[in-house]
Amino acid sequence: MNKIPLSVAIITKDEEIDLPGCLQSVSFAAEVVIVDCGSIDRTGEIARQFGARFFVEAWKGYGPQKNSALEKCSYDWVLIMDADERVPQETALKIGELVSGDDSADGYSFRRKNLFHGKWISSTDWWPDEVTRLFKKSRSRFEGLTHERLVVDGVTKRLKCCIEHFSYNSYSELFRKLDDYSTEQAAQMLASGRRAGPADAVFRGAWMFFRNYFLRLGFTAGFDGFVISLSKGLGTFLKYAKLYELSRFGSRQ
């Protein structure tokens, strides 16, 4: 089988459950680069079994960590992936066409199918979840520590094909990560000069729930849709509540 002249970049931490499926789905790529931040499970062993180039580095934040992975890629075309994502066969074929063709774009976005409890959530802000994942390394970089943003210096195009995201395994994981993400986001907003009051937390959080459950049709996904909409509202509430706390009382850590 001829490999596509493409590097796949992944950052990991204790991903022994999800990583095999991800690596199997990108077996079409000529190279896989994994930057790990100190896994204590079988992540490294699994990566080497699949022939990936595996590096261990201290955690620097999402943007810097992904930039470090990009620096280690041998090919200019890079597909950035999370360990809990998969590339369907039809998307792999499209990637091969784009990398080997003469299209003038410098980056491409995919629609991401977020799956929860074995179901595709085709409502709330989880769909369509446009993510730019295929790009030229020489014209791209990540910015930001939390909820990093990929910046492509050139033309980007939207593709209709999808990648699959096996997001959270349980409600517990969903809400547990909200706390971590909101803490990091609040600190980043404070550092950029943002401020917030209690009303910001309450009204922004309530609006985010309303938007996802009613306007973005979360109610069509049953109880999972309600929980996802609630998590969106609560995550926004926590982000602004913690920003208010930091700006008024400072860090107590």
C-alpha atoms as a PDB file:
ATOM      1  CA  MET A   1       0.000   0.000   0.000  1.00  0.00           C
ATOM      2  CA  ASN A   2       1.418   3.408  -1.018  1.00  0.00           C
ATOM      3  CA  LYS A   3       1.448   5.853   1.851  1.00  0.00           C
ATOM      4  CA  ILE A   4       0.261   9.441   1.421  1.00  0.00           C
ATOM      5  CA  PRO A   5       3.152  11.964   1.758  1.00  0.00           C
ATOM      6  CA  LEU A   6       1.639  13.419   4.895  1.00  0.00           C
ATOM      7  CA  SER A   7       2.485  13.725   8.592  1.00  0.00           C
ATOM      8  CA  VAL A   8      -0.145  13.070  11.252  1.00  0.00           C
ATOM      9  CA  ALA A   9       0.503  14.995  14.486  1.00  0.00           C
ATOM     10  CA  ILE A  10      -1.082  13.996  17.825  1.00  0.00           C
ATOM     11  CA  ILE A  11      -0.535  15.173  21.396  1.00  0.00           C
ATOM     12  CA  THR A  12      -1.312  12.661  24.134  1.00  0.00           C
ATOM     13  CA  LYS A  13      -1.613  11.993  27.859  1.00  0.00           C
ATOM     14  CA  ASP A  14      -2.774   8.533  29.015  1.00  0.00           C
ATOM     15  CA  GLU A  15      -4.557   7.618  25.779  1.00  0.00           C
ATOM     16  CA  GLU A  16      -4.137   3.817  25.727  1.00  0.00           C
ATOM     17  CA  ILE A  17      -7.891   3.309  25.234  1.00  0.00           C
ATOM     18  CA  ASP A  18      -8.460   5.705  22.321  1.00  0.00           C
ATOM     19  CA  LEU A  19      -5.065   5.765  20.615  1.00  0.00           C
ATOM     20  CA  PRO A  20      -5.199   2.362  18.812  1.00  0.00           C
ATOM     21  CA  GLY A  21      -8.391   3.281  16.939  1.00  0.00           C
ATOM     22  CA  CYS A  22      -6.989   6.672  15.979  1.00  0.00           C
ATOM     23  CA  LEU A  23      -3.706   5.255  14.689  1.00  0.00           C
ATOM     24  CA  GLN A  24      -5.452   2.523  12.761  1.00  0.00           C
ATOM     25  CA  SER A  25      -7.643   5.119  11.022  1.00  0.00           C
ATOM     26  CA  VAL A  26      -4.591   7.138   9.859  1.00  0.00           C
ATOM     27  CA  SER A  27      -2.535   4.171   8.665  1.00  0.00           C
ATOM     28  CA  PHE A  28      -2.612   5.732   5.176  1.00  0.00           C
ATOM     29  CA  ALA A  29      -0.150   8.465   6.274  1.00  0.00           C
ATOM     30  CA  ALA A  30       3.583   8.172   5.678  1.00  0.00           C
ATOM     31  CA  GLU A  31       4.417   9.453   9.163  1.00  0.00           C
ATOM     32  CA  VAL A  32       2.814   9.797  12.577  1.00  0.00           C
ATOM     33  CA  VAL A  33       4.359  12.106  15.194  1.00  0.00           C
ATOM     34  CA  ILE A  34       3.160  11.903  18.797  1.00  0.00           C
ATOM     35  CA  VAL A  35       4.186  14.349  21.527  1.00  0.00           C
ATOM     36  CA  ASP A  36       3.276  12.991  24.948  1.00  0.00           C
ATOM     37  CA  CYS A  37       3.328  14.886  28.236  1.00  0.00           C
ATOM     38  CA  GLY A  38       4.093  12.042  30.635  1.00  0.00           C
ATOM     39  CA  SER A  39       1.631   9.188  30.212  1.00  0.00           C
ATOM     40  CA  ILE A  40       1.760   6.486  32.874  1.00  0.00           C
ATOM     41  CA  ASP A  41      -0.262   3.948  30.877  1.00  0.00           C
ATOM     42  CA  ARG A  42       0.603   2.060  27.660  1.00  0.00           C
ATOM     43  CA  THR A  43       0.381   5.094  25.362  1.00  0.00           C
ATOM     44  CA  GLY A  44       4.078   5.010  24.448  1.00  0.00           C
ATOM     45  CA  GLU A  45       4.089   1.259  23.875  1.00  0.00           C
ATOM     46  CA  ILE A  46       1.037   1.456  21.603  1.00  0.00           C
ATOM     47  CA  ALA A  47       2.506   4.366  19.643  1.00  0.00           C
ATOM     48  CA  ARG A  48       5.707   2.426  18.935  1.00  0.00           C
ATOM     49  CA  GLN A  49       3.757  -0.693  17.975  1.00  0.00           C
ATOM     50  CA  PHE A  50       2.104   1.350  15.223  1.00  0.00           C
ATOM     51  CA  GLY A  51       5.455   2.760  14.086  1.00  0.00           C
ATOM     52  CA  ALA A  52       4.842   6.310  15.299  1.00  0.00           C
ATOM     53  CA  ARG A  53       7.669   8.657  16.228  1.00  0.00           C
ATOM     54  CA  PHE A  54       7.130   9.189  19.952  1.00  0.00           C
ATOM     55  CA  PHE A  55       8.424  12.099  22.037  1.00  0.00           C
ATOM     56  CA  VAL A  56       7.919  12.972  25.704  1.00  0.00           C
ATOM     57  CA  GLU A  57       7.870  16.636  26.723  1.00  0.00           C
ATOM     58  CA  ALA A  58       6.602  18.683  29.665  1.00  0.00           C
ATOM     59  CA  TRP A  59       3.143  20.188  29.198  1.00  0.00           C
ATOM     60  CA  LYS A  60       3.311  23.729  27.763  1.00  0.00           C
ATOM     61  CA  GLY A  61      -0.344  24.380  26.948  1.00  0.00           C
ATOM     62  CA  TYR A  62      -2.374  23.174  23.955  1.00  0.00           C
ATOM     63  CA  GLY A  63      -1.048  25.647  21.398  1.00  0.00           C
ATOM     64  CA  PRO A  64       2.666  25.331  22.235  1.00  0.00           C
ATOM     65  CA  GLN A  65       2.397  21.555  22.592  1.00  0.00           C
ATOM     66  CA  LYS A  66       0.858  21.201  19.137  1.00  0.00           C
ATOM     67  CA  ASN A  67       3.417  23.595  17.655  1.00  0.00           C
ATOM     68  CA  SER A  68       6.128  21.348  19.085  1.00  0.00           C
ATOM     69  CA  ALA A  69       4.543  18.367  17.319  1.00  0.00           C
ATOM     70  CA  LEU A  70       4.417  20.318  14.031  1.00  0.00           C
ATOM     71  CA  GLU A  71       8.118  21.151  14.282  1.00  0.00           C
ATOM     72  CA  LYS A  72       8.921  17.436  14.372  1.00  0.00           C
ATOM     73  CA  CYS A  73       6.876  16.577  11.257  1.00  0.00           C
ATOM     74  CA  SER A  74       8.895  15.631   8.177  1.00  0.00           C
ATOM     75  CA  TYR A  75       6.252  16.539   5.584  1.00  0.00           C
ATOM     76  CA  ASP A  76       4.809  19.949   4.807  1.00  0.00           C
ATOM     77  CA  TRP A  77       1.243  18.622   4.688  1.00  0.00           C
ATOM     78  CA  VAL A  78       0.081  17.848   8.232  1.00  0.00           C
ATOM     79  CA  LEU A  79      -3.119  16.324   9.582  1.00  0.00           C
ATOM     80  CA  ILE A  80      -3.561  17.243  13.250  1.00  0.00           C
ATOM     81  CA  MET A  81      -5.635  14.780  15.253  1.00  0.00           C
ATOM     82  CA  ASP A  82      -6.805  14.074  18.799  1.00  0.00           C
ATOM     83  CA  ALA A  83      -6.475  10.534  20.096  1.00  0.00           C
ATOM     84  CA  ASP A  84     -10.257  10.179  20.384  1.00  0.00           C
ATOM     85  CA  GLU A  85     -10.823  11.039  16.714  1.00  0.00           C
ATOM     86  CA  ARG A  86     -11.050   8.775  13.667  1.00  0.00           C
ATOM     87  CA  VAL A  87     -10.683   9.350   9.913  1.00  0.00           C
ATOM     88  CA  PRO A  88     -13.355   7.455   7.936  1.00  0.00           C
ATOM     89  CA  GLN A  89     -12.203   5.728   4.750  1.00  0.00           C
ATOM     90  CA  GLU A  90     -13.974   8.168   2.411  1.00  0.00           C
ATOM     91  CA  THR A  91     -12.261  11.088   4.160  1.00  0.00           C
ATOM     92  CA  ALA A  92      -8.888   9.353   3.892  1.00  0.00           C
ATOM     93  CA  LEU A  93      -9.406   9.033   0.134  1.00  0.00           C
ATOM     94  CA  LYS A  94     -10.227  12.741  -0.120  1.00  0.00           C
ATOM     95  CA  ILE A  95      -7.122  13.655   1.872  1.00  0.00           C
ATOM     96  CA  GLY A  96      -5.027  11.614  -0.552  1.00  0.00           C
ATOM     97  CA  GLU A  97      -6.524  13.486  -3.504  1.00  0.00           C
ATOM     98  CA  LEU A  98      -5.845  16.879  -1.935  1.00  0.00           C
ATOM     99  CA  VAL A  99      -2.265  16.193  -0.852  1.00  0.00           C
ATOM    100  CA  SER A 100      -1.332  14.673  -4.207  1.00  0.00           C
ATOM    101  CA  GLY A 101      -3.272  17.173  -6.320  1.00  0.00           C
ATOM    102  CA  ASP A 102      -2.638  20.750  -7.421  1.00  0.00           C
ATOM    103  CA  ASP A 103      -5.348  22.550  -5.439  1.00  0.00           C
ATOM    104  CA  SER A 104      -4.175  26.006  -4.374  1.00  0.00           C
ATOM    105  CA  ALA A 105      -5.508  25.899  -0.818  1.00  0.00           C
ATOM    106  CA  ASP A 106      -3.158  25.977   2.177  1.00  0.00           C
ATOM    107  CA  GLY A 107      -5.593  24.390   4.640  1.00  0.00           C
ATOM    108  CA  TYR A 108      -8.852  22.447   4.791  1.00  0.00           C
ATOM    109  CA  SER A 109     -11.563  22.108   7.390  1.00  0.00           C
ATOM    110  CA  PHE A 110     -13.702  19.054   8.067  1.00  0.00           C
ATOM    111  CA  ARG A 111     -17.092  18.608   9.639  1.00  0.00           C
ATOM    112  CA  ARG A 112     -16.584  16.782  12.910  1.00  0.00           C
ATOM    113  CA  LYS A 113     -19.197  14.224  13.950  1.00  0.00           C
ATOM    114  CA  ASN A 114     -19.292  14.227  17.749  1.00  0.00           C
ATOM    115  CA  LEU A 115     -20.527  10.927  19.138  1.00  0.00           C
ATOM    116  CA  PHE A 116     -21.821  10.441  22.681  1.00  0.00           C
ATOM    117  CA  HIS A 117     -23.116   7.195  24.154  1.00  0.00           C
ATOM    118  CA  GLY A 118     -22.685   5.627  20.726  1.00  0.00           C
ATOM    119  CA  LYS A 119     -24.869   8.222  18.958  1.00  0.00           C
ATOM    120  CA  TRP A 120     -24.023  11.041  16.591  1.00  0.00           C
ATOM    121  CA  ILE A 121     -25.182  14.304  18.186  1.00  0.00           C
ATOM    122  CA  SER A 122     -26.436  16.236  15.139  1.00  0.00           C
ATOM    123  CA  SER A 123     -27.680  19.238  17.150  1.00  0.00           C
ATOM    124  CA  THR A 124     -26.414  21.843  19.665  1.00  0.00           C
ATOM    125  CA  ASP A 125     -23.063  23.473  18.947  1.00  0.00           C
ATOM    126  CA  TRP A 126     -21.687  19.954  18.471  1.00  0.00           C
ATOM    127  CA  TRP A 127     -22.833  20.059  14.816  1.00  0.00           C
ATOM    128  CA  PRO A 128     -21.689  21.178  12.377  1.00  0.00           C
ATOM    129  CA  ASP A 129     -18.394  21.364  14.241  1.00  0.00           C
ATOM    130  CA  GLU A 130     -16.051  22.826  11.618  1.00  0.00           C
ATOM    131  CA  VAL A 131     -12.389  22.122  12.427  1.00  0.00           C
ATOM    132  CA  THR A 132      -9.361  22.918  10.272  1.00  0.00           C
ATOM    133  CA  ARG A 133      -7.125  19.867  10.500  1.00  0.00           C
ATOM    134  CA  LEU A 134      -5.294  19.490   7.192  1.00  0.00           C
ATOM    135  CA  PHE A 135      -2.809  22.234   6.363  1.00  0.00           C
ATOM    136  CA  LYS A 136       0.651  23.151   5.160  1.00  0.00           C
ATOM    137  CA  LYS A 137       3.061  23.265   8.088  1.00  0.00           C
ATOM    138  CA  SER A 138       5.124  26.013   6.456  1.00  0.00           C
ATOM    139  CA  ARG A 139       2.126  28.372   6.506  1.00  0.00           C
ATOM    140  CA  SER A 140       0.451  27.437   9.793  1.00  0.00           C
ATOM    141  CA  ARG A 141       0.807  27.744  13.549  1.00  0.00           C
ATOM    142  CA  PHE A 142      -1.263  27.366  16.708  1.00  0.00           C
ATOM    143  CA  GLU A 143      -2.016  30.261  19.054  1.00  0.00           C
ATOM    144  CA  GLY A 144      -3.390  30.141  22.599  1.00  0.00           C
ATOM    145  CA  LEU A 145      -2.928  27.897  25.622  1.00  0.00           C
ATOM    146  CA  THR A 146      -6.535  26.716  26.053  1.00  0.00           C
ATOM    147  CA  HIS A 147      -8.967  26.183  23.174  1.00  0.00           C
ATOM    148  CA  GLU A 148      -6.058  26.894  20.853  1.00  0.00           C
ATOM    149  CA  ARG A 149      -6.617  28.416  17.425  1.00  0.00           C
ATOM    150  CA  LEU A 150      -4.941  27.302  14.225  1.00  0.00           C
ATOM    151  CA  VAL A 151      -3.797  30.218  12.074  1.00  0.00           C
ATOM    152  CA  VAL A 152      -3.212  29.447   8.385  1.00  0.00           C
ATOM    153  CA  ASP A 153      -1.422  32.147   6.394  1.00  0.00           C
ATOM    154  CA  GLY A 154      -3.197  31.523   3.141  1.00  0.00           C
ATOM    155  CA  VAL A 155      -6.366  30.112   1.613  1.00  0.00           C
ATOM    156  CA  THR A 156      -8.484  27.631   3.571  1.00  0.00           C
ATOM    157  CA  LYS A 157     -11.410  25.671   2.155  1.00  0.00           C
ATOM    158  CA  ARG A 158     -14.301  23.817   3.753  1.00  0.00           C
ATOM    159  CA  LEU A 159     -14.804  20.165   2.948  1.00  0.00           C
ATOM    160  CA  LYS A 160     -18.087  18.301   3.261  1.00  0.00           C
ATOM    161  CA  CYS A 161     -16.431  15.084   4.412  1.00  0.00           C
ATOM    162  CA  CYS A 162     -16.183  14.327   8.126  1.00  0.00           C
ATOM    163  CA  ILE A 163     -13.946  13.095  10.858  1.00  0.00           C
ATOM    164  CA  GLU A 164     -15.439  11.267  13.822  1.00  0.00           C
ATOM    165  CA  HIS A 165     -14.977  12.360  17.423  1.00  0.00           C
ATOM    166  CA  PHE A 166     -15.705   9.934  20.244  1.00  0.00           C
ATOM    167  CA  SER A 167     -15.917  12.770  22.706  1.00  0.00           C
ATOM    168  CA  TYR A 168     -16.788  11.941  26.314  1.00  0.00           C
ATOM    169  CA  ASN A 169     -17.342   8.511  27.810  1.00  0.00           C
ATOM    170  CA  SER A 170     -19.768   9.640  30.510  1.00  0.00           C
ATOM    171  CA  TYR A 171     -21.562  12.576  32.062  1.00  0.00           C
ATOM    172  CA  SER A 172     -18.941  12.527  34.825  1.00  0.00           C
ATOM    173  CA  GLU A 173     -16.120  13.049  32.346  1.00  0.00           C
ATOM    174  CA  LEU A 174     -18.051  15.792  30.566  1.00  0.00           C
ATOM    175  CA  PHE A 175     -18.609  17.841  33.713  1.00  0.00           C
ATOM    176  CA  ARG A 176     -15.194  17.076  35.206  1.00  0.00           C
ATOM    177  CA  LYS A 177     -13.447  18.554  32.183  1.00  0.00           C
ATOM    178  CA  LEU A 178     -15.661  21.647  32.370  1.00  0.00           C
ATOM    179  CA  ASP A 179     -13.971  22.583  35.626  1.00  0.00           C
ATOM    180  CA  ASP A 180     -10.471  22.218  34.184  1.00  0.00           C
ATOM    181  CA  TYR A 181     -11.264  24.051  30.946  1.00  0.00           C
ATOM    182  CA  SER A 182     -13.077  26.935  32.656  1.00  0.00           C
ATOM    183  CA  THR A 183     -10.179  27.463  35.058  1.00  0.00           C
ATOM    184  CA  GLU A 184      -7.680  27.697  32.190  1.00  0.00           C
ATOM    185  CA  GLN A 185      -9.969  29.936  30.127  1.00  0.00           C
ATOM    186  CA  ALA A 186     -10.573  32.344  33.017  1.00  0.00           C
ATOM    187  CA  ALA A 187      -6.847  32.703  33.655  1.00  0.00           C
ATOM    188  CA  GLN A 188      -6.209  33.333  29.964  1.00  0.00           C
ATOM    189  CA  MET A 189      -8.990  35.945  29.786  1.00  0.00           C
ATOM    190  CA  LEU A 190      -7.608  37.710  32.867  1.00  0.00           C
ATOM    191  CA  ALA A 191      -4.130  37.788  31.338  1.00  0.00           C
ATOM    192  CA  SER A 192      -5.554  39.436  28.212  1.00  0.00           C
ATOM    193  CA  GLY A 193      -7.178  42.192  30.276  1.00  0.00           C
ATOM    194  CA  ARG A 194     -10.749  40.851  30.363  1.00  0.00           C
ATOM    195  CA  ARG A 195     -12.960  41.435  33.407  1.00  0.00           C
ATOM    196  CA  ALA A 196     -16.418  40.163  34.383  1.00  0.00           C
ATOM    197  CA  GLY A 197     -19.066  40.573  37.065  1.00  0.00           C
ATOM    198  CA  PRO A 198     -21.603  38.137  38.539  1.00  0.00           C
ATOM    199  CA  ALA A 199     -24.239  39.239  36.022  1.00  0.00           C
ATOM    200  CA  ASP A 200     -21.945  38.251  33.151  1.00  0.00           C
ATOM    201  CA  ALA A 201     -21.668  34.719  34.525  1.00  0.00           C
ATOM    202  CA  VAL A 202     -25.417  34.332  35.092  1.00  0.00           C
ATOM    203  CA  PHE A 203     -26.732  35.822  31.858  1.00  0.00           C
ATOM    204  CA  ARG A 204     -24.045  34.460  29.563  1.00  0.00           C
ATOM    205  CA  GLY A 205     -24.454  31.001  31.049  1.00  0.00           C
ATOM    206  CA  ALA A 206     -28.247  31.107  30.734  1.00  0.00           C
ATOM    207  CA  TRP A 207     -28.016  32.336  27.137  1.00  0.00           C
ATOM    208  CA  MET A 208     -25.603  29.558  26.189  1.00  0.00           C
ATOM    209  CA  PHE A 209     -27.987  26.924  27.555  1.00  0.00           C
ATOM    210  CA  PHE A 210     -30.977  28.526  25.751  1.00  0.00           C
ATOM    211  CA  ARG A 211     -29.066  28.755  22.497  1.00  0.00           C
ATOM    212  CA  ASN A 212     -27.982  25.119  22.542  1.00  0.00           C
ATOM    213  CA  TYR A 213     -31.167  23.514  23.839  1.00  0.00           C
ATOM    214  CA  PHE A 214     -33.752  25.549  21.934  1.00  0.00           C
ATOM    215  CA  LEU A 215     -32.155  27.447  19.040  1.00  0.00           C
ATOM    216  CA  ARG A 216     -29.619  24.723  18.198  1.00  0.00           C
ATOM    217  CA  LEU A 217     -32.254  21.989  18.709  1.00  0.00           C
ATOM    218  CA  GLY A 218     -30.589  20.172  21.586  1.00  0.00           C
ATOM    219  CA  PHE A 219     -33.999  18.917  22.686  1.00  0.00           C
ATOM    220  CA  THR A 220     -34.079  16.643  19.617  1.00  0.00           C
ATOM    221  CA  ALA A 221     -31.216  14.575  21.097  1.00  0.00           C
ATOM    222  CA  GLY A 222     -33.218  13.509  24.144  1.00  0.00           C
ATOM    223  CA  PHE A 223     -31.669  13.600  27.594  1.00  0.00           C
ATOM    224  CA  ASP A 224     -28.148  13.634  26.138  1.00  0.00           C
ATOM    225  CA  GLY A 225     -29.078  16.823  24.292  1.00  0.00           C
ATOM    226  CA  PHE A 226     -30.281  18.367  27.551  1.00  0.00           C
ATOM    227  CA  VAL A 227     -27.078  17.390  29.382  1.00  0.00           C
ATOM    228  CA  ILE A 228     -24.876  18.716  26.576  1.00  0.00           C
ATOM    229  CA  SER A 229     -26.809  22.008  26.500  1.00  0.00           C
ATOM    230  CA  LEU A 230     -26.554  22.228  30.278  1.00  0.00           C
ATOM    231  CA  SER A 231     -22.818  21.610  30.108  1.00  0.00           C
ATOM    232  CA  LYS A 232     -22.474  24.413  27.548  1.00  0.00           C
ATOM    233  CA  GLY A 233     -24.320  26.811  29.835  1.00  0.00           C
ATOM    234  CA  LEU A 234     -22.494  25.692  32.958  1.00  0.00           C
ATOM    235  CA  GLY A 235     -19.113  25.889  31.236  1.00  0.00           C
ATOM    236  CA  THR A 236     -19.791  29.491  30.225  1.00  0.00           C
ATOM    237  CA  PHE A 237     -21.077  30.335  33.706  1.00  0.00           C
ATOM    238  CA  LEU A 238     -17.972  28.856  35.352  1.00  0.00           C
ATOM    239  CA  LYS A 239     -15.615  30.636  32.967  1.00  0.00           C
ATOM    240  CA  TYR A 240     -17.035  34.068  33.777  1.00  0.00           C
ATOM    241  CA  ALA A 241     -17.580  33.317  37.463  1.00  0.00           C
ATOM    242  CA  LYS A 242     -13.935  32.310  37.800  1.00  0.00           C
ATOM    243  CA  LEU A 243     -12.842  35.386  35.849  1.00  0.00           C
ATOM    244  CA  TYR A 244     -14.816  37.518  38.300  1.00  0.00           C
ATOM    245  CA  GLU A 245     -13.254  35.672  41.239  1.00  0.00           C
ATOM    246  CA  LEU A 246      -9.725  36.100  39.884  1.00  0.00           C
ATOM    247  CA  SER A 247     -10.173  39.781  39.085  1.00  0.00           C
ATOM    248  CA  ARG A 248     -11.632  40.565  42.504  1.00  0.00           C
ATOM    249  CA  PHE A 249      -9.845  38.207  44.885  1.00  0.00           C
ATOM    250  CA  GLY A 250      -6.836  36.981  42.924  1.00  0.00           C
ATOM    251  CA  SER A 251      -5.603  33.397  42.764  1.00  0.00           C
ATOM    252  CA  ARG A 252      -5.815  31.392  46.002  1.00  0.00           C
ATOM    253  CA  GLN A 253      -3.778  28.469  44.678  1.00  0.00           C
END
